[in-house]
Amino acid sequence: MIDVVFDEVSVLWAEHLGLTFPDDLKWLEADGESVVLLDGDMAGCVRSYLDGTLDGEKRAILDDCSRVLRELLPKLRCGEGRRYAARLVRMADLILSDSPLPQSSET
């Protein structure tokens, strides 16, 4: 785990926890998923990373949720919802760069 990355994720997460879920995201769906559910899934993954328990399954969930939100970002107007979603994507990018996929062990 890279300390600088961990520290940045910790700061972003603390900021994120102080926010209310934006009204402009409450009813949105992206890739057939409710943005509210994506937010919840990502929250569990970020907590796992910060606890040092991010496994391959949660990493894959984080990667998928991040991809969906990244595709949604250009469709969001500048404002609270866009900043909220962008913060989630930034945390995911940091975490994914700091926790590479496990190498397969082929013998």
PDB file of N, CA and C in Angstrom:
ATOM      1  N   MET A   1       0.854  -1.172   0.000  1.00  0.00           N
ATOM      2  CA  MET A   1       0.000   0.000   0.000  1.00  0.00           C
ATOM      3  C   MET A   1       0.903   1.238   0.000  1.00  0.00           C
ATOM      4  N   ILE A   2       0.610   2.164  -0.868  1.00  0.00           N
ATOM      5  CA  ILE A   2       1.395   3.384  -0.986  1.00  0.00           C
ATOM      6  C   ILE A   2       0.801   4.426  -0.033  1.00  0.00           C
ATOM      7  N   ASP A   3       1.633   4.938   0.890  1.00  0.00           N
ATOM      8  CA  ASP A   3       1.156   5.853   1.924  1.00  0.00           C
ATOM      9  C   ASP A   3       0.507   7.113   1.356  1.00  0.00           C
ATOM     10  N   VAL A   4       1.090   7.691   0.315  1.00  0.00           N
ATOM     11  CA  VAL A   4       0.541   8.925  -0.267  1.00  0.00           C
ATOM     12  C   VAL A   4      -0.852   8.666  -0.826  1.00  0.00           C
ATOM     13  N   VAL A   5      -1.038   7.548  -1.475  1.00  0.00           N
ATOM     14  CA  VAL A   5      -2.340   7.190  -2.035  1.00  0.00           C
ATOM     15  C   VAL A   5      -3.332   6.950  -0.901  1.00  0.00           C
ATOM     16  N   PHE A   6      -2.923   6.174   0.089  1.00  0.00           N
ATOM     17  CA  PHE A   6      -3.787   5.891   1.235  1.00  0.00           C
ATOM     18  C   PHE A   6      -4.224   7.195   1.909  1.00  0.00           C
ATOM     19  N   ASP A   7      -3.276   8.114   2.094  1.00  0.00           N
ATOM     20  CA  ASP A   7      -3.592   9.389   2.743  1.00  0.00           C
ATOM     21  C   ASP A   7      -4.598  10.196   1.924  1.00  0.00           C
ATOM     22  N   GLU A   8      -4.410  10.229   0.596  1.00  0.00           N
ATOM     23  CA  GLU A   8      -5.347  10.983  -0.239  1.00  0.00           C
ATOM     24  C   GLU A   8      -6.736  10.360  -0.216  1.00  0.00           C
ATOM     25  N   VAL A   9      -6.787   9.037  -0.281  1.00  0.00           N
ATOM     26  CA  VAL A   9      -8.097   8.363  -0.212  1.00  0.00           C
ATOM     27  C   VAL A   9      -8.744   8.645   1.138  1.00  0.00           C
ATOM     28  N   SER A  10      -7.958   8.625   2.210  1.00  0.00           N
ATOM     29  CA  SER A  10      -8.500   8.899   3.551  1.00  0.00           C
ATOM     30  C   SER A  10      -9.114  10.290   3.631  1.00  0.00           C
ATOM     31  N   VAL A  11      -8.426  11.281   3.067  1.00  0.00           N
ATOM     32  CA  VAL A  11      -8.931  12.654   3.077  1.00  0.00           C
ATOM     33  C   VAL A  11     -10.202  12.761   2.233  1.00  0.00           C
ATOM     34  N   LEU A  12     -10.162  12.209   1.025  1.00  0.00           N
ATOM     35  CA  LEU A  12     -11.348  12.251   0.162  1.00  0.00           C
ATOM     36  C   LEU A  12     -12.535  11.535   0.806  1.00  0.00           C
ATOM     37  N   TRP A  13     -12.261  10.419   1.464  1.00  0.00           N
ATOM     38  CA  TRP A  13     -13.325   9.652   2.109  1.00  0.00           C
ATOM     39  C   TRP A  13     -13.930  10.437   3.272  1.00  0.00           C
ATOM     40  N   ALA A  14     -13.082  11.084   4.065  1.00  0.00           N
ATOM     41  CA  ALA A  14     -13.586  11.894   5.177  1.00  0.00           C
ATOM     42  C   ALA A  14     -14.468  13.028   4.654  1.00  0.00           C
ATOM     43  N   GLU A  15     -14.050  13.669   3.575  1.00  0.00           N
ATOM     44  CA  GLU A  15     -14.870  14.719   2.958  1.00  0.00           C
ATOM     45  C   GLU A  15     -16.192  14.130   2.473  1.00  0.00           C
ATOM     46  N   HIS A  16     -16.097  12.980   1.825  1.00  0.00           N
ATOM     47  CA  HIS A  16     -17.272  12.329   1.245  1.00  0.00           C
ATOM     48  C   HIS A  16     -18.299  11.972   2.323  1.00  0.00           C
ATOM     49  N   LEU A  17     -17.818  11.504   3.449  1.00  0.00           N
ATOM     50  CA  LEU A  17     -18.733  11.118   4.531  1.00  0.00           C
ATOM     51  C   LEU A  17     -19.519  12.297   5.079  1.00  0.00           C
ATOM     52  N   GLY A  18     -18.973  13.489   4.927  1.00  0.00           N
ATOM     53  CA  GLY A  18     -19.658  14.682   5.411  1.00  0.00           C
ATOM     54  C   GLY A  18     -20.705  15.225   4.449  1.00  0.00           C
ATOM     55  N   LEU A  19     -20.835  14.607   3.296  1.00  0.00           N
ATOM     56  CA  LEU A  19     -21.761  15.099   2.274  1.00  0.00           C
ATOM     57  C   LEU A  19     -23.107  14.393   2.341  1.00  0.00           C
ATOM     58  N   THR A  20     -24.115  15.077   1.873  1.00  0.00           N
ATOM     59  CA  THR A  20     -25.434  14.492   1.674  1.00  0.00           C
ATOM     60  C   THR A  20     -25.493  14.033   0.229  1.00  0.00           C
ATOM     61  N   PHE A  21     -26.136  12.904  -0.018  1.00  0.00           N
ATOM     62  CA  PHE A  21     -26.254  12.413  -1.388  1.00  0.00           C
ATOM     63  C   PHE A  21     -27.014  13.454  -2.205  1.00  0.00           C
ATOM     64  N   PRO A  22     -26.439  13.906  -3.325  1.00  0.00           N
ATOM     65  CA  PRO A  22     -27.039  14.990  -4.114  1.00  0.00           C
ATOM     66  C   PRO A  22     -28.392  14.624  -4.718  1.00  0.00           C
ATOM     67  N   ASP A  23     -29.300  15.584  -4.654  1.00  0.00           N
ATOM     68  CA  ASP A  23     -30.634  15.385  -5.220  1.00  0.00           C
ATOM     69  C   ASP A  23     -30.586  15.057  -6.707  1.00  0.00           C
ATOM     70  N   ASP A  24     -29.636  15.673  -7.440  1.00  0.00           N
ATOM     71  CA  ASP A  24     -29.607  15.451  -8.887  1.00  0.00           C
ATOM     72  C   ASP A  24     -29.106  14.059  -9.267  1.00  0.00           C
ATOM     73  N   LEU A  25     -28.659  13.276  -8.299  1.00  0.00           N
ATOM     74  CA  LEU A  25     -28.243  11.896  -8.579  1.00  0.00           C
ATOM     75  C   LEU A  25     -29.238  10.854  -8.072  1.00  0.00           C
ATOM     76  N   LYS A  26     -30.158  11.255  -7.209  1.00  0.00           N
ATOM     77  CA  LYS A  26     -31.030  10.294  -6.523  1.00  0.00           C
ATOM     78  C   LYS A  26     -31.822   9.383  -7.448  1.00  0.00           C
ATOM     79  N   TRP A  27     -32.269   9.889  -8.567  1.00  0.00           N
ATOM     80  CA  TRP A  27     -33.142   9.090  -9.433  1.00  0.00           C
ATOM     81  C   TRP A  27     -32.454   8.643 -10.706  1.00  0.00           C
ATOM     82  N   LEU A  28     -31.166   8.917 -10.805  1.00  0.00           N
ATOM     83  CA  LEU A  28     -30.431   8.548 -12.012  1.00  0.00           C
ATOM     84  C   LEU A  28     -30.078   7.074 -12.029  1.00  0.00           C
ATOM     85  N   GLU A  29     -30.069   6.545 -13.224  1.00  0.00           N
ATOM     86  CA  GLU A  29     -29.558   5.200 -13.448  1.00  0.00           C
ATOM     87  C   GLU A  29     -28.427   5.296 -14.449  1.00  0.00           C
ATOM     88  N   ALA A  30     -27.461   4.442 -14.274  1.00  0.00           N
ATOM     89  CA  ALA A  30     -26.337   4.380 -15.197  1.00  0.00           C
ATOM     90  C   ALA A  30     -26.070   2.913 -15.479  1.00  0.00           C
ATOM     91  N   ASP A  31     -26.071   2.573 -16.750  1.00  0.00           N
ATOM     92  CA  ASP A  31     -25.827   1.188 -17.149  1.00  0.00           C
ATOM     93  C   ASP A  31     -26.807   0.232 -16.456  1.00  0.00           C
ATOM     94  N   GLY A  32     -28.057   0.711 -16.285  1.00  0.00           N
ATOM     95  CA  GLY A  32     -29.098  -0.111 -15.671  1.00  0.00           C
ATOM     96  C   GLY A  32     -29.027  -0.199 -14.161  1.00  0.00           C
ATOM     97  N   GLU A  33     -28.106   0.521 -13.548  1.00  0.00           N
ATOM     98  CA  GLU A  33     -27.939   0.501 -12.090  1.00  0.00           C
ATOM     99  C   GLU A  33     -28.326   1.849 -11.502  1.00  0.00           C
ATOM    100  N   SER A  34     -28.968   1.821 -10.362  1.00  0.00           N
ATOM    101  CA  SER A  34     -29.246   3.042  -9.633  1.00  0.00           C
ATOM    102  C   SER A  34     -27.923   3.638  -9.141  1.00  0.00           C
ATOM    103  N   VAL A  35     -27.761   4.932  -9.304  1.00  0.00           N
ATOM    104  CA  VAL A  35     -26.541   5.585  -8.833  1.00  0.00           C
ATOM    105  C   VAL A  35     -26.453   5.479  -7.307  1.00  0.00           C
ATOM    106  N   VAL A  36     -27.582   5.443  -6.636  1.00  0.00           N
ATOM    107  CA  VAL A  36     -27.589   5.258  -5.180  1.00  0.00           C
ATOM    108  C   VAL A  36     -26.948   3.912  -4.821  1.00  0.00           C
ATOM    109  N   LEU A  37     -27.287   2.872  -5.564  1.00  0.00           N
ATOM    110  CA  LEU A  37     -26.694   1.557  -5.292  1.00  0.00           C
ATOM    111  C   LEU A  37     -25.211   1.527  -5.632  1.00  0.00           C
ATOM    112  N   LEU A  38     -24.825   2.177  -6.723  1.00  0.00           N
ATOM    113  CA  LEU A  38     -23.398   2.265  -7.073  1.00  0.00           C
ATOM    114  C   LEU A  38     -22.625   2.947  -5.953  1.00  0.00           C
ATOM    115  N   ASP A  39     -23.206   4.012  -5.415  1.00  0.00           N
ATOM    116  CA  ASP A  39     -22.575   4.742  -4.317  1.00  0.00           C
ATOM    117  C   ASP A  39     -22.374   3.821  -3.113  1.00  0.00           C
ATOM    118  N   GLY A  40     -23.382   3.045  -2.795  1.00  0.00           N
ATOM    119  CA  GLY A  40     -23.278   2.113  -1.664  1.00  0.00           C
ATOM    120  C   GLY A  40     -22.242   1.036  -1.891  1.00  0.00           C
ATOM    121  N   ASP A  41     -22.218   0.485  -3.098  1.00  0.00           N
ATOM    122  CA  ASP A  41     -21.216  -0.535  -3.421  1.00  0.00           C
ATOM    123  C   ASP A  41     -19.807   0.033  -3.324  1.00  0.00           C
ATOM    124  N   MET A  42     -19.639   1.233  -3.862  1.00  0.00           N
ATOM    125  CA  MET A  42     -18.316   1.859  -3.822  1.00  0.00           C
ATOM    126  C   MET A  42     -17.914   2.180  -2.388  1.00  0.00           C
ATOM    127  N   ALA A  43     -18.860   2.601  -1.572  1.00  0.00           N
ATOM    128  CA  ALA A  43     -18.554   2.920  -0.175  1.00  0.00           C
ATOM    129  C   ALA A  43     -17.998   1.690   0.550  1.00  0.00           C
ATOM    130  N   GLY A  44     -18.607   0.552   0.319  1.00  0.00           N
ATOM    131  CA  GLY A  44     -18.112  -0.680   0.943  1.00  0.00           C
ATOM    132  C   GLY A  44     -16.703  -1.016   0.491  1.00  0.00           C
ATOM    133  N   CYS A  45     -16.420  -0.779  -0.771  1.00  0.00           N
ATOM    134  CA  CYS A  45     -15.080  -1.065  -1.310  1.00  0.00           C
ATOM    135  C   CYS A  45     -14.038  -0.099  -0.759  1.00  0.00           C
ATOM    136  N   VAL A  46     -14.405   1.183  -0.658  1.00  0.00           N
ATOM    137  CA  VAL A  46     -13.470   2.168  -0.105  1.00  0.00           C
ATOM    138  C   VAL A  46     -13.171   1.828   1.352  1.00  0.00           C
ATOM    139  N   ARG A  47     -14.185   1.490   2.110  1.00  0.00           N
ATOM    140  CA  ARG A  47     -13.971   1.102   3.517  1.00  0.00           C
ATOM    141  C   ARG A  47     -13.060  -0.112   3.616  1.00  0.00           C
ATOM    142  N   SER A  48     -13.261  -1.074   2.740  1.00  0.00           N
ATOM    143  CA  SER A  48     -12.403  -2.263   2.747  1.00  0.00           C
ATOM    144  C   SER A  48     -10.956  -1.901   2.459  1.00  0.00           C
ATOM    145  N   TYR A  49     -10.742  -1.015   1.489  1.00  0.00           N
ATOM    146  CA  TYR A  49      -9.384  -0.567   1.183  1.00  0.00           C
ATOM    147  C   TYR A  49      -8.756   0.090   2.411  1.00  0.00           C
ATOM    148  N   LEU A  50      -9.495   0.996   3.034  1.00  0.00           N
ATOM    149  CA  LEU A  50      -8.960   1.720   4.188  1.00  0.00           C
ATOM    150  C   LEU A  50      -8.714   0.795   5.375  1.00  0.00           C
ATOM    151  N   ASP A  51      -9.477  -0.284   5.459  1.00  0.00           N
ATOM    152  CA  ASP A  51      -9.281  -1.285   6.517  1.00  0.00           C
ATOM    153  C   ASP A  51      -8.209  -2.305   6.161  1.00  0.00           C
ATOM    154  N   GLY A  52      -7.718  -2.255   4.919  1.00  0.00           N
ATOM    155  CA  GLY A  52      -6.711  -3.207   4.471  1.00  0.00           C
ATOM    156  C   GLY A  52      -7.284  -4.566   4.098  1.00  0.00           C
ATOM    157  N   THR A  53      -8.589  -4.599   3.778  1.00  0.00           N
ATOM    158  CA  THR A  53      -9.236  -5.877   3.477  1.00  0.00           C
ATOM    159  C   THR A  53      -9.848  -5.931   2.078  1.00  0.00           C
ATOM    160  N   LEU A  54      -9.355  -5.099   1.172  1.00  0.00           N
ATOM    161  CA  LEU A  54      -9.883  -5.101  -0.191  1.00  0.00           C
ATOM    162  C   LEU A  54      -9.419  -6.368  -0.908  1.00  0.00           C
ATOM    163  N   ASP A  55     -10.362  -7.235  -1.218  1.00  0.00           N
ATOM    164  CA  ASP A  55     -10.016  -8.475  -1.908  1.00  0.00           C
ATOM    165  C   ASP A  55     -10.304  -8.323  -3.405  1.00  0.00           C
ATOM    166  N   GLY A  56     -10.027  -9.364  -4.153  1.00  0.00           N
ATOM    167  CA  GLY A  56     -10.204  -9.331  -5.597  1.00  0.00           C
ATOM    168  C   GLY A  56     -11.638  -9.081  -6.018  1.00  0.00           C
ATOM    169  N   GLU A  57     -12.584  -9.638  -5.300  1.00  0.00           N
ATOM    170  CA  GLU A  57     -13.998  -9.454  -5.643  1.00  0.00           C
ATOM    171  C   GLU A  57     -14.416  -7.990  -5.450  1.00  0.00           C
ATOM    172  N   LYS A  58     -14.025  -7.412  -4.326  1.00  0.00           N
ATOM    173  CA  LYS A  58     -14.374  -6.013  -4.069  1.00  0.00           C
ATOM    174  C   LYS A  58     -13.635  -5.089  -5.028  1.00  0.00           C
ATOM    175  N   ARG A  59     -12.424  -5.451  -5.387  1.00  0.00           N
ATOM    176  CA  ARG A  59     -11.661  -4.658  -6.354  1.00  0.00           C
ATOM    177  C   ARG A  59     -12.389  -4.646  -7.701  1.00  0.00           C
ATOM    178  N   ALA A  60     -12.905  -5.799  -8.104  1.00  0.00           N
ATOM    179  CA  ALA A  60     -13.647  -5.890  -9.368  1.00  0.00           C
ATOM    180  C   ALA A  60     -14.938  -5.071  -9.302  1.00  0.00           C
ATOM    181  N   ILE A  61     -15.612  -5.084  -8.163  1.00  0.00           N
ATOM    182  CA  ILE A  61     -16.830  -4.282  -7.977  1.00  0.00           C
ATOM    183  C   ILE A  61     -16.492  -2.802  -8.082  1.00  0.00           C
ATOM    184  N   LEU A  62     -15.419  -2.397  -7.421  1.00  0.00           N
ATOM    185  CA  LEU A  62     -14.990  -1.005  -7.465  1.00  0.00           C
ATOM    186  C   LEU A  62     -14.656  -0.584  -8.892  1.00  0.00           C
ATOM    187  N   ASP A  63     -13.963  -1.430  -9.597  1.00  0.00           N
ATOM    188  CA  ASP A  63     -13.584  -1.147 -10.982  1.00  0.00           C
ATOM    189  C   ASP A  63     -14.832  -0.987 -11.856  1.00  0.00           C
ATOM    190  N   ASP A  64     -15.790  -1.876 -11.695  1.00  0.00           N
ATOM    191  CA  ASP A  64     -17.019  -1.823 -12.495  1.00  0.00           C
ATOM    192  C   ASP A  64     -17.841  -0.578 -12.162  1.00  0.00           C
ATOM    193  N   CYS A  65     -18.020  -0.291 -10.876  1.00  0.00           N
ATOM    194  CA  CYS A  65     -18.788   0.897 -10.476  1.00  0.00           C
ATOM    195  C   CYS A  65     -18.116   2.168 -10.980  1.00  0.00           C
ATOM    196  N   SER A  66     -16.808   2.215 -10.889  1.00  0.00           N
ATOM    197  CA  SER A  66     -16.057   3.374 -11.352  1.00  0.00           C
ATOM    198  C   SER A  66     -16.246   3.572 -12.856  1.00  0.00           C
ATOM    199  N   ARG A  67     -16.204   2.496 -13.606  1.00  0.00           N
ATOM    200  CA  ARG A  67     -16.394   2.576 -15.060  1.00  0.00           C
ATOM    201  C   ARG A  67     -17.766   3.150 -15.387  1.00  0.00           C
ATOM    202  N   VAL A  68     -18.785   2.671 -14.693  1.00  0.00           N
ATOM    203  CA  VAL A  68     -20.149   3.145 -14.938  1.00  0.00           C
ATOM    204  C   VAL A  68     -20.271   4.633 -14.596  1.00  0.00           C
ATOM    205  N   LEU A  69     -19.727   5.050 -13.456  1.00  0.00           N
ATOM    206  CA  LEU A  69     -19.794   6.459 -13.079  1.00  0.00           C
ATOM    207  C   LEU A  69     -18.975   7.331 -14.023  1.00  0.00           C
ATOM    208  N   ARG A  70     -17.831   6.830 -14.474  1.00  0.00           N
ATOM    209  CA  ARG A  70     -16.990   7.585 -15.408  1.00  0.00           C
ATOM    210  C   ARG A  70     -17.763   7.857 -16.708  1.00  0.00           C
ATOM    211  N   GLU A  71     -18.540   6.880 -17.163  1.00  0.00           N
ATOM    212  CA  GLU A  71     -19.349   7.058 -18.371  1.00  0.00           C
ATOM    213  C   GLU A  71     -20.487   8.049 -18.137  1.00  0.00           C
ATOM    214  N   LEU A  72     -20.943   8.148 -16.901  1.00  0.00           N
ATOM    215  CA  LEU A  72     -22.044   9.048 -16.563  1.00  0.00           C
ATOM    216  C   LEU A  72     -21.574  10.499 -16.415  1.00  0.00           C
ATOM    217  N   LEU A  73     -20.342  10.706 -15.989  1.00  0.00           N
ATOM    218  CA  LEU A  73     -19.843  12.053 -15.689  1.00  0.00           C
ATOM    219  C   LEU A  73     -20.090  13.081 -16.797  1.00  0.00           C
ATOM    220  N   PRO A  74     -19.793  12.779 -18.067  1.00  0.00           N
ATOM    221  CA  PRO A  74     -20.014  13.801 -19.103  1.00  0.00           C
ATOM    222  C   PRO A  74     -21.477  14.200 -19.261  1.00  0.00           C
ATOM    223  N   LYS A  75     -22.388  13.383 -18.802  1.00  0.00           N
ATOM    224  CA  LYS A  75     -23.819  13.673 -18.928  1.00  0.00           C
ATOM    225  C   LYS A  75     -24.332  14.534 -17.775  1.00  0.00           C
ATOM    226  N   LEU A  76     -23.516  14.681 -16.731  1.00  0.00           N
ATOM    227  CA  LEU A  76     -23.936  15.459 -15.566  1.00  0.00           C
ATOM    228  C   LEU A  76     -23.532  16.915 -15.733  1.00  0.00           C
ATOM    229  N   ARG A  77     -24.453  17.804 -15.381  1.00  0.00           N
ATOM    230  CA  ARG A  77     -24.113  19.225 -15.405  1.00  0.00           C
ATOM    231  C   ARG A  77     -23.156  19.510 -14.263  1.00  0.00           C
ATOM    232  N   CYS A  78     -22.382  20.551 -14.446  1.00  0.00           N
ATOM    233  CA  CYS A  78     -21.493  20.969 -13.366  1.00  0.00           C
ATOM    234  C   CYS A  78     -22.349  21.281 -12.151  1.00  0.00           C
ATOM    235  N   GLY A  79     -21.952  20.789 -11.035  1.00  0.00           N
ATOM    236  CA  GLY A  79     -22.710  21.031  -9.812  1.00  0.00           C
ATOM    237  C   GLY A  79     -22.393  19.973  -8.788  1.00  0.00           C
ATOM    238  N   GLU A  80     -23.233  19.932  -7.788  1.00  0.00           N
ATOM    239  CA  GLU A  80     -23.023  19.049  -6.647  1.00  0.00           C
ATOM    240  C   GLU A  80     -22.945  17.570  -7.045  1.00  0.00           C
ATOM    241  N   GLY A  81     -23.855  17.117  -7.881  1.00  0.00           N
ATOM    242  CA  GLY A  81     -23.873  15.713  -8.295  1.00  0.00           C
ATOM    243  C   GLY A  81     -22.631  15.319  -9.069  1.00  0.00           C
ATOM    244  N   ARG A  82     -22.195  16.198  -9.956  1.00  0.00           N
ATOM    245  CA  ARG A  82     -20.992  15.920 -10.744  1.00  0.00           C
ATOM    246  C   ARG A  82     -19.764  15.846  -9.844  1.00  0.00           C
ATOM    247  N   ARG A  83     -19.643  16.781  -8.903  1.00  0.00           N
ATOM    248  CA  ARG A  83     -18.497  16.755  -7.975  1.00  0.00           C
ATOM    249  C   ARG A  83     -18.523  15.498  -7.110  1.00  0.00           C
ATOM    250  N   TYR A  84     -19.709  15.110  -6.679  1.00  0.00           N
ATOM    251  CA  TYR A  84     -19.876  13.917  -5.846  1.00  0.00           C
ATOM    252  C   TYR A  84     -19.414  12.665  -6.607  1.00  0.00           C
ATOM    253  N   ALA A  85     -19.904  12.528  -7.836  1.00  0.00           N
ATOM    254  CA  ALA A  85     -19.542  11.369  -8.654  1.00  0.00           C
ATOM    255  C   ALA A  85     -18.055  11.392  -9.009  1.00  0.00           C
ATOM    256  N   ALA A  86     -17.524  12.570  -9.312  1.00  0.00           N
ATOM    257  CA  ALA A  86     -16.104  12.687  -9.661  1.00  0.00           C
ATOM    258  C   ALA A  86     -15.214  12.303  -8.479  1.00  0.00           C
ATOM    259  N   ARG A  87     -15.637  12.642  -7.258  1.00  0.00           N
ATOM    260  CA  ARG A  87     -14.874  12.264  -6.071  1.00  0.00           C
ATOM    261  C   ARG A  87     -14.841  10.738  -5.936  1.00  0.00           C
ATOM    262  N   LEU A  88     -15.968  10.087  -6.180  1.00  0.00           N
ATOM    263  CA  LEU A  88     -15.998   8.621  -6.117  1.00  0.00           C
ATOM    264  C   LEU A  88     -15.062   8.005  -7.156  1.00  0.00           C
ATOM    265  N   VAL A  89     -15.091   8.549  -8.359  1.00  0.00           N
ATOM    266  CA  VAL A  89     -14.225   8.042  -9.427  1.00  0.00           C
ATOM    267  C   VAL A  89     -12.757   8.256  -9.056  1.00  0.00           C
ATOM    268  N   ARG A  90     -12.435   9.424  -8.508  1.00  0.00           N
ATOM    269  CA  ARG A  90     -11.051   9.703  -8.106  1.00  0.00           C
ATOM    270  C   ARG A  90     -10.579   8.717  -7.038  1.00  0.00           C
ATOM    271  N   MET A  91     -11.422   8.453  -6.040  1.00  0.00           N
ATOM    272  CA  MET A  91     -11.046   7.486  -5.008  1.00  0.00           C
ATOM    273  C   MET A  91     -10.828   6.107  -5.623  1.00  0.00           C
ATOM    274  N   ALA A  92     -11.710   5.716  -6.521  1.00  0.00           N
ATOM    275  CA  ALA A  92     -11.574   4.407  -7.173  1.00  0.00           C
ATOM    276  C   ALA A  92     -10.281   4.338  -7.962  1.00  0.00           C
ATOM    277  N   ASP A  93      -9.969   5.392  -8.720  1.00  0.00           N
ATOM    278  CA  ASP A  93      -8.725   5.409  -9.495  1.00  0.00           C
ATOM    279  C   ASP A  93      -7.512   5.241  -8.589  1.00  0.00           C
ATOM    280  N   LEU A  94      -7.509   5.962  -7.487  1.00  0.00           N
ATOM    281  CA  LEU A  94      -6.384   5.873  -6.552  1.00  0.00           C
ATOM    282  C   LEU A  94      -6.268   4.461  -5.974  1.00  0.00           C
ATOM    283  N   ILE A  95      -7.381   3.935  -5.527  1.00  0.00           N
ATOM    284  CA  ILE A  95      -7.378   2.605  -4.908  1.00  0.00           C
ATOM    285  C   ILE A  95      -6.945   1.548  -5.917  1.00  0.00           C
ATOM    286  N   LEU A  96      -7.483   1.607  -7.119  1.00  0.00           N
ATOM    287  CA  LEU A  96      -7.148   0.606  -8.131  1.00  0.00           C
ATOM    288  C   LEU A  96      -5.684   0.695  -8.548  1.00  0.00           C
ATOM    289  N   SER A  97      -5.114   1.901  -8.514  1.00  0.00           N
ATOM    290  CA  SER A  97      -3.697   2.037  -8.848  1.00  0.00           C
ATOM    291  C   SER A  97      -2.811   1.508  -7.724  1.00  0.00           C
ATOM    292  N   ASP A  98      -3.362   1.468  -6.518  1.00  0.00           N
ATOM    293  CA  ASP A  98      -2.600   1.040  -5.345  1.00  0.00           C
ATOM    294  C   ASP A  98      -2.832  -0.429  -4.994  1.00  0.00           C
ATOM    295  N   SER A  99      -3.768  -1.062  -5.667  1.00  0.00           N
ATOM    296  CA  SER A  99      -4.067  -2.469  -5.352  1.00  0.00           C
ATOM    297  C   SER A  99      -4.253  -3.237  -6.660  1.00  0.00           C
ATOM    298  N   PRO A 100      -3.137  -3.562  -7.323  1.00  0.00           N
ATOM    299  CA  PRO A 100      -3.239  -4.241  -8.606  1.00  0.00           C
ATOM    300  C   PRO A 100      -3.887  -5.607  -8.481  1.00  0.00           C
ATOM    301  N   LEU A 101      -4.384  -6.073  -9.607  1.00  0.00           N
ATOM    302  CA  LEU A 101      -4.977  -7.409  -9.645  1.00  0.00           C
ATOM    303  C   LEU A 101      -3.963  -8.452  -9.219  1.00  0.00           C
ATOM    304  N   PRO A 102      -4.387  -9.445  -8.466  1.00  0.00           N
ATOM    305  CA  PRO A 102      -3.467 -10.519  -8.096  1.00  0.00           C
ATOM    306  C   PRO A 102      -2.996 -11.264  -9.339  1.00  0.00           C
ATOM    307  N   GLN A 103      -1.766 -11.654  -9.339  1.00  0.00           N
ATOM    308  CA  GLN A 103      -1.216 -12.429 -10.450  1.00  0.00           C
ATOM    309  C   GLN A 103      -1.738 -13.863 -10.380  1.00  0.00           C
ATOM    310  N   SER A 104      -2.092 -14.411 -11.524  1.00  0.00           N
ATOM    311  CA  SER A 104      -2.526 -15.805 -11.532  1.00  0.00           C
ATOM    312  C   SER A 104      -1.302 -16.691 -11.415  1.00  0.00           C
ATOM    313  N   SER A 105      -1.481 -17.789 -10.729  1.00  0.00           N
ATOM    314  CA  SER A 105      -0.347 -18.700 -10.553  1.00  0.00           C
ATOM    315  C   SER A 105      -0.564 -19.950 -11.396  1.00  0.00           C
ATOM    316  N   GLU A 106      -0.026 -19.890 -12.596  1.00  0.00           N
ATOM    317  CA  GLU A 106      -0.154 -21.036 -13.495  1.00  0.00           C
ATOM    318  C   GLU A 106       1.077 -21.911 -13.333  1.00  0.00           C
ATOM    319  N   THR A 107       0.850 -23.166 -13.130  1.00  0.00           N
ATOM    320  CA  THR A 107       1.986 -24.087 -12.981  1.00  0.00           C
ATOM    321  C   THR A 107       1.948 -25.139 -14.045  1.00  0.00           C
TER     322      THR A 107
END
